[in-house]
Amino acid sequence: MNRLRIGIIYPSDGVLDHEFWKFAPPHATMHVTRVRFPETPDTLEGMRTLVEDADLDQAAQALRPIKPGAIAYACTSVSFAKGHSGDRSIIDRISRGANAPATSTSSALVAACRSLGVRKLALGSPYIPELTVQFEHYLAEAGLEPLLSRSLGLAEGVSKLEAKDIADLASGIDVPQAEAIILPCTNLNTYSAIAELERTLAKPVITANQATVWHACRIAGYRGTDGVGRLWRVNAT
């Protein structure tokens, strides 16, 4: 069987490359390259300046020779920073650069909700409040309804959160009306938390790296169900 190659463009402060591999189906390979990210704490204005960063085009072009089945920009905050128009511009540019179908983490999260048939969401965000609010606007623009959100207010150090922190965040935002839990940020380590949270909360838990890999595989044509979480057991829309 030919292996499915997925190109991942990841910010330079990302440390969870292993999660892309863990979330991938058995015959898919993850090919990760970096784009520069500011060393100063994240702000909404700072994320907006990166939407047009030429590093994105160069990273996509660097992946072109491997002929990826799909390519993904694995950064939630930059892909939602300028709403859907900014996200679309990123996706179009990296698709042209890599000559492959493309997605971003924010688009993947929306696609995951649509595939699961959920609209009413509980949002657990590690971000500072202004980024969380912008992500709520992005979700609402897509026709989704964040019923409740919680922001941890972290400008840095998201990758240091442990499994218990993730479980507490998800459990703390759950309300009966929410049809799914959304946990953004590709520096949030969620692989080991999803299955137990879905059992405990009895609803889908959708996370940034999970959705990014899932959507990239789906747009590359993969229809298997051998991934993590309820998300992988439905077909993409």
C-alpha atoms as a PDB file:
ATOM      1  CA  MET A   1       0.000   0.000   0.000  1.00  0.00           C
ATOM      2  CA  ASN A   2       1.332   3.452  -0.922  1.00  0.00           C
ATOM      3  CA  ARG A   3       1.807   5.642   2.104  1.00  0.00           C
ATOM      4  CA  LEU A   4      -0.267   8.814   2.360  1.00  0.00           C
ATOM      5  CA  ARG A   5       2.013  11.826   2.778  1.00  0.00           C
ATOM      6  CA  ILE A   6       0.653  14.741   4.778  1.00  0.00           C
ATOM      7  CA  GLY A   7       2.591  18.010   4.907  1.00  0.00           C
ATOM      8  CA  ILE A   8       2.367  19.945   8.172  1.00  0.00           C
ATOM      9  CA  ILE A   9       3.407  23.607   8.479  1.00  0.00           C
ATOM     10  CA  TYR A  10       3.965  24.216  12.192  1.00  0.00           C
ATOM     11  CA  PRO A  11       4.931  27.401  14.078  1.00  0.00           C
ATOM     12  CA  SER A  12       8.506  27.503  15.352  1.00  0.00           C
ATOM     13  CA  ASP A  13       7.344  27.442  18.991  1.00  0.00           C
ATOM     14  CA  GLY A  14       5.434  24.176  18.455  1.00  0.00           C
ATOM     15  CA  VAL A  15       6.811  21.205  20.390  1.00  0.00           C
ATOM     16  CA  LEU A  16       4.153  18.540  19.807  1.00  0.00           C
ATOM     17  CA  ASP A  17       5.311  17.067  16.502  1.00  0.00           C
ATOM     18  CA  HIS A  18       4.773  13.620  18.003  1.00  0.00           C
ATOM     19  CA  GLU A  19       1.033  14.293  18.267  1.00  0.00           C
ATOM     20  CA  PHE A  20       0.666  14.574  14.505  1.00  0.00           C
ATOM     21  CA  TRP A  21       2.148  11.091  14.195  1.00  0.00           C
ATOM     22  CA  LYS A  22      -0.001   9.688  17.015  1.00  0.00           C
ATOM     23  CA  PHE A  23      -3.203  11.023  15.469  1.00  0.00           C
ATOM     24  CA  ALA A  24      -2.302   9.771  11.988  1.00  0.00           C
ATOM     25  CA  PRO A  25      -3.740   6.532  10.561  1.00  0.00           C
ATOM     26  CA  PRO A  26      -1.214   3.682  10.296  1.00  0.00           C
ATOM     27  CA  HIS A  27      -0.212   4.125   6.657  1.00  0.00           C
ATOM     28  CA  ALA A  28       0.030   7.939   6.695  1.00  0.00           C
ATOM     29  CA  THR A  29       3.327   9.766   7.167  1.00  0.00           C
ATOM     30  CA  MET A  30       3.622  13.257   8.643  1.00  0.00           C
ATOM     31  CA  HIS A  31       6.161  15.645   7.111  1.00  0.00           C
ATOM     32  CA  VAL A  32       6.609  18.656   9.391  1.00  0.00           C
ATOM     33  CA  THR A  33       8.286  21.929   8.491  1.00  0.00           C
ATOM     34  CA  ARG A  34       8.486  25.155  10.492  1.00  0.00           C
ATOM     35  CA  VAL A  35       7.576  28.816  10.048  1.00  0.00           C
ATOM     36  CA  ARG A  36       8.996  31.511  12.282  1.00  0.00           C
ATOM     37  CA  PHE A  37       6.848  32.584  15.202  1.00  0.00           C
ATOM     38  CA  PRO A  38       7.431  35.588  17.481  1.00  0.00           C
ATOM     39  CA  GLU A  39       9.215  34.929  20.756  1.00  0.00           C
ATOM     40  CA  THR A  40       7.082  37.574  22.443  1.00  0.00           C
ATOM     41  CA  PRO A  41       3.791  36.483  24.053  1.00  0.00           C
ATOM     42  CA  ASP A  42       0.872  35.934  21.677  1.00  0.00           C
ATOM     43  CA  THR A  43      -1.568  38.794  21.048  1.00  0.00           C
ATOM     44  CA  LEU A  44      -4.372  39.096  18.524  1.00  0.00           C
ATOM     45  CA  GLU A  45      -2.573  41.865  16.655  1.00  0.00           C
ATOM     46  CA  GLY A  46       0.576  39.783  16.578  1.00  0.00           C
ATOM     47  CA  MET A  47      -1.293  36.804  15.146  1.00  0.00           C
ATOM     48  CA  ARG A  48      -2.867  39.012  12.478  1.00  0.00           C
ATOM     49  CA  THR A  49       0.523  40.180  11.256  1.00  0.00           C
ATOM     50  CA  LEU A  50       1.448  36.540  10.535  1.00  0.00           C
ATOM     51  CA  VAL A  51      -1.476  35.854   8.203  1.00  0.00           C
ATOM     52  CA  GLU A  52       0.431  37.356   5.259  1.00  0.00           C
ATOM     53  CA  ASP A  53       3.858  36.080   6.336  1.00  0.00           C
ATOM     54  CA  ALA A  54       5.957  35.009   3.343  1.00  0.00           C
ATOM     55  CA  ASP A  55       7.333  32.138   5.453  1.00  0.00           C
ATOM     56  CA  LEU A  56       4.051  30.313   4.811  1.00  0.00           C
ATOM     57  CA  ASP A  57       4.582  30.356   1.059  1.00  0.00           C
ATOM     58  CA  GLN A  58       8.181  29.215   1.418  1.00  0.00           C
ATOM     59  CA  ALA A  59       7.242  26.381   3.790  1.00  0.00           C
ATOM     60  CA  ALA A  60       4.564  25.140   1.393  1.00  0.00           C
ATOM     61  CA  GLN A  61       6.992  25.256  -1.518  1.00  0.00           C
ATOM     62  CA  ALA A  62       9.538  23.300   0.526  1.00  0.00           C
ATOM     63  CA  LEU A  63       7.023  20.461   0.868  1.00  0.00           C
ATOM     64  CA  ARG A  64       6.133  20.425  -2.825  1.00  0.00           C
ATOM     65  CA  PRO A  65       8.867  17.952  -3.908  1.00  0.00           C
ATOM     66  CA  ILE A  66       7.448  15.135  -1.748  1.00  0.00           C
ATOM     67  CA  LYS A  67       4.097  15.416  -3.569  1.00  0.00           C
ATOM     68  CA  PRO A  68       1.926  15.464  -0.441  1.00  0.00           C
ATOM     69  CA  GLY A  69      -1.613  14.144  -0.586  1.00  0.00           C
ATOM     70  CA  ALA A  70      -2.600  17.211   1.429  1.00  0.00           C
ATOM     71  CA  ILE A  71      -0.999  20.011   3.404  1.00  0.00           C
ATOM     72  CA  ALA A  72      -2.128  21.672   6.635  1.00  0.00           C
ATOM     73  CA  TYR A  73      -1.197  24.887   8.416  1.00  0.00           C
ATOM     74  CA  ALA A  74      -1.150  23.654  12.006  1.00  0.00           C
ATOM     75  CA  CYS A  75      -1.810  26.876  13.897  1.00  0.00           C
ATOM     76  CA  THR A  76      -5.240  27.716  15.240  1.00  0.00           C
ATOM     77  CA  SER A  77      -4.653  31.300  16.369  1.00  0.00           C
ATOM     78  CA  VAL A  78      -3.144  32.666  13.152  1.00  0.00           C
ATOM     79  CA  SER A  79      -5.712  30.896  10.975  1.00  0.00           C
ATOM     80  CA  PHE A  80      -8.635  32.477  12.849  1.00  0.00           C
ATOM     81  CA  ALA A  81      -6.988  35.853  13.560  1.00  0.00           C
ATOM     82  CA  LYS A  82      -8.466  37.593  10.492  1.00  0.00           C
ATOM     83  CA  GLY A  83     -11.657  35.572  10.311  1.00  0.00           C
ATOM     84  CA  HIS A  84     -12.598  33.300   7.450  1.00  0.00           C
ATOM     85  CA  SER A  85     -11.224  35.583   4.757  1.00  0.00           C
ATOM     86  CA  GLY A  86      -7.770  35.507   6.334  1.00  0.00           C
ATOM     87  CA  ASP A  87      -7.993  31.758   6.834  1.00  0.00           C
ATOM     88  CA  ARG A  88      -9.029  31.244   3.219  1.00  0.00           C
ATOM     89  CA  SER A  89      -6.073  33.299   2.006  1.00  0.00           C
ATOM     90  CA  ILE A  90      -3.665  31.093   3.990  1.00  0.00           C
ATOM     91  CA  ILE A  91      -5.221  27.899   2.635  1.00  0.00           C
ATOM     92  CA  ASP A  92      -5.151  29.125  -0.963  1.00  0.00           C
ATOM     93  CA  ARG A  93      -1.511  30.208  -0.737  1.00  0.00           C
ATOM     94  CA  ILE A  94      -0.169  27.015   0.816  1.00  0.00           C
ATOM     95  CA  SER A  95      -2.223  24.919  -1.604  1.00  0.00           C
ATOM     96  CA  ARG A  96      -0.600  26.707  -4.539  1.00  0.00           C
ATOM     97  CA  GLY A  97       2.846  26.466  -2.960  1.00  0.00           C
ATOM     98  CA  ALA A  98       2.649  22.726  -2.279  1.00  0.00           C
ATOM     99  CA  ASN A  99       0.460  21.906  -5.293  1.00  0.00           C
ATOM    100  CA  ALA A 100      -1.836  19.938  -3.002  1.00  0.00           C
ATOM    101  CA  PRO A 101      -5.239  20.252  -1.292  1.00  0.00           C
ATOM    102  CA  ALA A 102      -4.864  22.323   1.867  1.00  0.00           C
ATOM    103  CA  THR A 103      -6.488  23.096   5.175  1.00  0.00           C
ATOM    104  CA  SER A 104      -5.721  24.946   8.393  1.00  0.00           C
ATOM    105  CA  THR A 105      -6.412  24.014  11.998  1.00  0.00           C
ATOM    106  CA  SER A 106      -9.297  26.473  12.304  1.00  0.00           C
ATOM    107  CA  SER A 107     -10.891  25.198   9.089  1.00  0.00           C
ATOM    108  CA  ALA A 108     -10.324  21.624  10.251  1.00  0.00           C
ATOM    109  CA  LEU A 109     -12.124  22.299  13.534  1.00  0.00           C
ATOM    110  CA  VAL A 110     -15.121  23.701  11.654  1.00  0.00           C
ATOM    111  CA  ALA A 111     -15.095  20.761   9.227  1.00  0.00           C
ATOM    112  CA  ALA A 112     -15.007  18.387  12.189  1.00  0.00           C
ATOM    113  CA  CYS A 113     -18.091  19.987  13.731  1.00  0.00           C
ATOM    114  CA  ARG A 114     -19.954  19.802  10.439  1.00  0.00           C
ATOM    115  CA  SER A 115     -18.963  16.192   9.875  1.00  0.00           C
ATOM    116  CA  LEU A 116     -20.181  15.243  13.346  1.00  0.00           C
ATOM    117  CA  GLY A 117     -23.394  17.218  12.845  1.00  0.00           C
ATOM    118  CA  VAL A 118     -22.820  19.406  15.923  1.00  0.00           C
ATOM    119  CA  ARG A 119     -23.450  23.135  16.193  1.00  0.00           C
ATOM    120  CA  LYS A 120     -23.733  24.007  19.892  1.00  0.00           C
ATOM    121  CA  LEU A 121     -20.262  23.957  21.426  1.00  0.00           C
ATOM    122  CA  ALA A 122     -18.383  24.329  24.693  1.00  0.00           C
ATOM    123  CA  LEU A 123     -14.986  25.953  24.098  1.00  0.00           C
ATOM    124  CA  GLY A 124     -11.980  25.357  26.347  1.00  0.00           C
ATOM    125  CA  SER A 125      -9.221  27.732  25.298  1.00  0.00           C
ATOM    126  CA  PRO A 126      -5.674  28.016  26.639  1.00  0.00           C
ATOM    127  CA  TYR A 127      -5.390  31.478  25.055  1.00  0.00           C
ATOM    128  CA  ILE A 128      -5.518  34.978  26.457  1.00  0.00           C
ATOM    129  CA  PRO A 129      -9.108  36.319  26.424  1.00  0.00           C
ATOM    130  CA  GLU A 130      -8.820  38.452  23.272  1.00  0.00           C
ATOM    131  CA  LEU A 131      -7.752  35.418  21.232  1.00  0.00           C
ATOM    132  CA  THR A 132     -10.545  33.296  22.705  1.00  0.00           C
ATOM    133  CA  VAL A 133     -13.108  35.954  21.797  1.00  0.00           C
ATOM    134  CA  GLN A 134     -11.778  36.121  18.236  1.00  0.00           C
ATOM    135  CA  PHE A 135     -12.067  32.340  17.926  1.00  0.00           C
ATOM    136  CA  GLU A 136     -15.664  32.536  19.141  1.00  0.00           C
ATOM    137  CA  HIS A 137     -16.340  35.067  16.357  1.00  0.00           C
ATOM    138  CA  TYR A 138     -14.689  32.745  13.836  1.00  0.00           C
ATOM    139  CA  LEU A 139     -16.867  29.815  14.926  1.00  0.00           C
ATOM    140  CA  ALA A 140     -20.012  31.953  14.866  1.00  0.00           C
ATOM    141  CA  GLU A 141     -19.145  33.166  11.361  1.00  0.00           C
ATOM    142  CA  ALA A 142     -19.155  29.489  10.339  1.00  0.00           C
ATOM    143  CA  GLY A 143     -22.667  29.031  11.721  1.00  0.00           C
ATOM    144  CA  LEU A 144     -21.557  27.363  14.953  1.00  0.00           C
ATOM    145  CA  GLU A 145     -22.713  28.434  18.412  1.00  0.00           C
ATOM    146  CA  PRO A 146     -20.242  28.574  21.318  1.00  0.00           C
ATOM    147  CA  LEU A 147     -22.543  28.288  24.335  1.00  0.00           C
ATOM    148  CA  LEU A 148     -19.837  28.589  26.953  1.00  0.00           C
ATOM    149  CA  SER A 149     -16.126  29.322  26.786  1.00  0.00           C
ATOM    150  CA  ARG A 150     -13.300  29.438  29.258  1.00  0.00           C
ATOM    151  CA  SER A 151      -9.926  31.032  28.657  1.00  0.00           C
ATOM    152  CA  LEU A 152      -6.901  29.947  30.673  1.00  0.00           C
ATOM    153  CA  GLY A 153      -5.160  33.218  29.804  1.00  0.00           C
ATOM    154  CA  LEU A 154      -1.849  31.675  28.781  1.00  0.00           C
ATOM    155  CA  ALA A 155       0.342  33.818  26.548  1.00  0.00           C
ATOM    156  CA  GLU A 156       2.995  31.082  26.624  1.00  0.00           C
ATOM    157  CA  GLY A 157       3.656  27.685  28.178  1.00  0.00           C
ATOM    158  CA  VAL A 158       0.594  25.933  26.727  1.00  0.00           C
ATOM    159  CA  SER A 159       2.586  22.773  25.993  1.00  0.00           C
ATOM    160  CA  LYS A 160       3.366  22.397  29.710  1.00  0.00           C
ATOM    161  CA  LEU A 161      -0.273  21.652  30.560  1.00  0.00           C
ATOM    162  CA  GLU A 162      -0.676  18.058  31.707  1.00  0.00           C
ATOM    163  CA  ALA A 163      -3.431  15.499  31.133  1.00  0.00           C
ATOM    164  CA  LYS A 164      -5.217  16.454  34.364  1.00  0.00           C
ATOM    165  CA  ASP A 165      -5.224  20.123  33.316  1.00  0.00           C
ATOM    166  CA  ILE A 166      -6.810  19.185  29.982  1.00  0.00           C
ATOM    167  CA  ALA A 167      -9.418  16.995  31.672  1.00  0.00           C
ATOM    168  CA  ASP A 168     -10.277  19.743  34.173  1.00  0.00           C
ATOM    169  CA  LEU A 169     -10.593  22.317  31.381  1.00  0.00           C
ATOM    170  CA  ALA A 170     -12.939  20.131  29.317  1.00  0.00           C
ATOM    171  CA  SER A 171     -15.037  19.007  32.267  1.00  0.00           C
ATOM    172  CA  GLY A 172     -15.304  22.548  33.588  1.00  0.00           C
ATOM    173  CA  ILE A 173     -16.889  23.920  30.408  1.00  0.00           C
ATOM    174  CA  ASP A 174     -19.318  21.085  29.719  1.00  0.00           C
ATOM    175  CA  VAL A 175     -22.994  22.004  29.822  1.00  0.00           C
ATOM    176  CA  PRO A 176     -25.887  19.688  28.909  1.00  0.00           C
ATOM    177  CA  GLN A 177     -26.835  21.731  25.834  1.00  0.00           C
ATOM    178  CA  ALA A 178     -23.328  21.526  24.328  1.00  0.00           C
ATOM    179  CA  GLU A 179     -23.139  18.900  21.595  1.00  0.00           C
ATOM    180  CA  ALA A 180     -19.329  18.800  21.543  1.00  0.00           C
ATOM    181  CA  ILE A 181     -16.244  20.086  23.349  1.00  0.00           C
ATOM    182  CA  ILE A 182     -13.686  22.107  21.355  1.00  0.00           C
ATOM    183  CA  LEU A 183     -10.073  22.411  22.575  1.00  0.00           C
ATOM    184  CA  PRO A 184      -7.988  24.632  20.241  1.00  0.00           C
ATOM    185  CA  CYS A 185      -4.211  25.258  20.020  1.00  0.00           C
ATOM    186  CA  THR A 186      -1.722  22.929  18.366  1.00  0.00           C
ATOM    187  CA  ASN A 187       0.575  23.219  21.387  1.00  0.00           C
ATOM    188  CA  LEU A 188      -2.115  21.648  23.597  1.00  0.00           C
ATOM    189  CA  ASN A 189      -1.271  18.021  24.328  1.00  0.00           C
ATOM    190  CA  THR A 190      -4.598  16.190  24.027  1.00  0.00           C
ATOM    191  CA  TYR A 191      -3.875  12.781  22.495  1.00  0.00           C
ATOM    192  CA  SER A 192      -4.090  10.866  25.755  1.00  0.00           C
ATOM    193  CA  ALA A 193      -7.171  12.760  26.992  1.00  0.00           C
ATOM    194  CA  ILE A 194      -9.735  12.376  24.202  1.00  0.00           C
ATOM    195  CA  ALA A 195     -10.960   8.799  24.673  1.00  0.00           C
ATOM    196  CA  GLU A 196     -11.496   9.120  28.435  1.00  0.00           C
ATOM    197  CA  LEU A 197     -13.165  12.531  28.098  1.00  0.00           C
ATOM    198  CA  GLU A 198     -15.563  11.224  25.458  1.00  0.00           C
ATOM    199  CA  ARG A 199     -16.511   8.346  27.767  1.00  0.00           C
ATOM    200  CA  THR A 200     -16.942  10.635  30.755  1.00  0.00           C
ATOM    201  CA  LEU A 201     -18.780  13.466  29.005  1.00  0.00           C
ATOM    202  CA  ALA A 202     -20.695  11.276  26.524  1.00  0.00           C
ATOM    203  CA  LYS A 203     -20.079  13.648  23.621  1.00  0.00           C
ATOM    204  CA  PRO A 204     -17.408  14.300  20.995  1.00  0.00           C
ATOM    205  CA  VAL A 205     -14.203  16.030  22.045  1.00  0.00           C
ATOM    206  CA  ILE A 206     -12.511  17.805  19.126  1.00  0.00           C
ATOM    207  CA  THR A 207      -8.945  19.034  19.517  1.00  0.00           C
ATOM    208  CA  ALA A 208      -6.576  21.027  17.343  1.00  0.00           C
ATOM    209  CA  ASN A 209      -4.012  18.409  16.355  1.00  0.00           C
ATOM    210  CA  GLN A 210      -6.625  15.667  16.080  1.00  0.00           C
ATOM    211  CA  ALA A 211      -8.799  17.735  13.719  1.00  0.00           C
ATOM    212  CA  THR A 212      -5.816  18.964  11.695  1.00  0.00           C
ATOM    213  CA  VAL A 213      -4.594  15.446  10.920  1.00  0.00           C
ATOM    214  CA  TRP A 214      -8.123  14.124  10.374  1.00  0.00           C
ATOM    215  CA  HIS A 215      -9.081  16.845   7.903  1.00  0.00           C
ATOM    216  CA  ALA A 216      -5.798  16.668   6.012  1.00  0.00           C
ATOM    217  CA  CYS A 217      -6.268  12.911   5.605  1.00  0.00           C
ATOM    218  CA  ARG A 218      -9.882  13.356   4.525  1.00  0.00           C
ATOM    219  CA  ILE A 219      -9.123  15.974   1.859  1.00  0.00           C
ATOM    220  CA  ALA A 220      -6.320  13.700   0.647  1.00  0.00           C
ATOM    221  CA  GLY A 221      -8.992  11.063   0.037  1.00  0.00           C
ATOM    222  CA  TYR A 222      -8.531   8.800   3.062  1.00  0.00           C
ATOM    223  CA  ARG A 223     -11.828   7.423   4.414  1.00  0.00           C
ATOM    224  CA  GLY A 224     -10.603   5.049   7.117  1.00  0.00           C
ATOM    225  CA  THR A 225     -11.948   5.105  10.665  1.00  0.00           C
ATOM    226  CA  ASP A 226      -8.803   4.072  12.519  1.00  0.00           C
ATOM    227  CA  GLY A 227      -8.045   7.358  14.261  1.00  0.00           C
ATOM    228  CA  VAL A 228      -8.643   8.709  17.757  1.00  0.00           C
ATOM    229  CA  GLY A 229     -12.089   9.847  18.891  1.00  0.00           C
ATOM    230  CA  ARG A 230     -15.612   9.886  17.532  1.00  0.00           C
ATOM    231  CA  LEU A 231     -14.497  12.272  14.809  1.00  0.00           C
ATOM    232  CA  TRP A 232     -12.698   9.495  12.937  1.00  0.00           C
ATOM    233  CA  ARG A 233     -15.795   7.321  12.864  1.00  0.00           C
ATOM    234  CA  VAL A 234     -17.724   9.654  10.552  1.00  0.00           C
ATOM    235  CA  ASN A 235     -17.095  10.739   6.970  1.00  0.00           C
ATOM    236  CA  ALA A 236     -16.011  14.268   6.109  1.00  0.00           C
ATOM    237  CA  THR A 237     -18.476  16.673   4.529  1.00  0.00           C
END
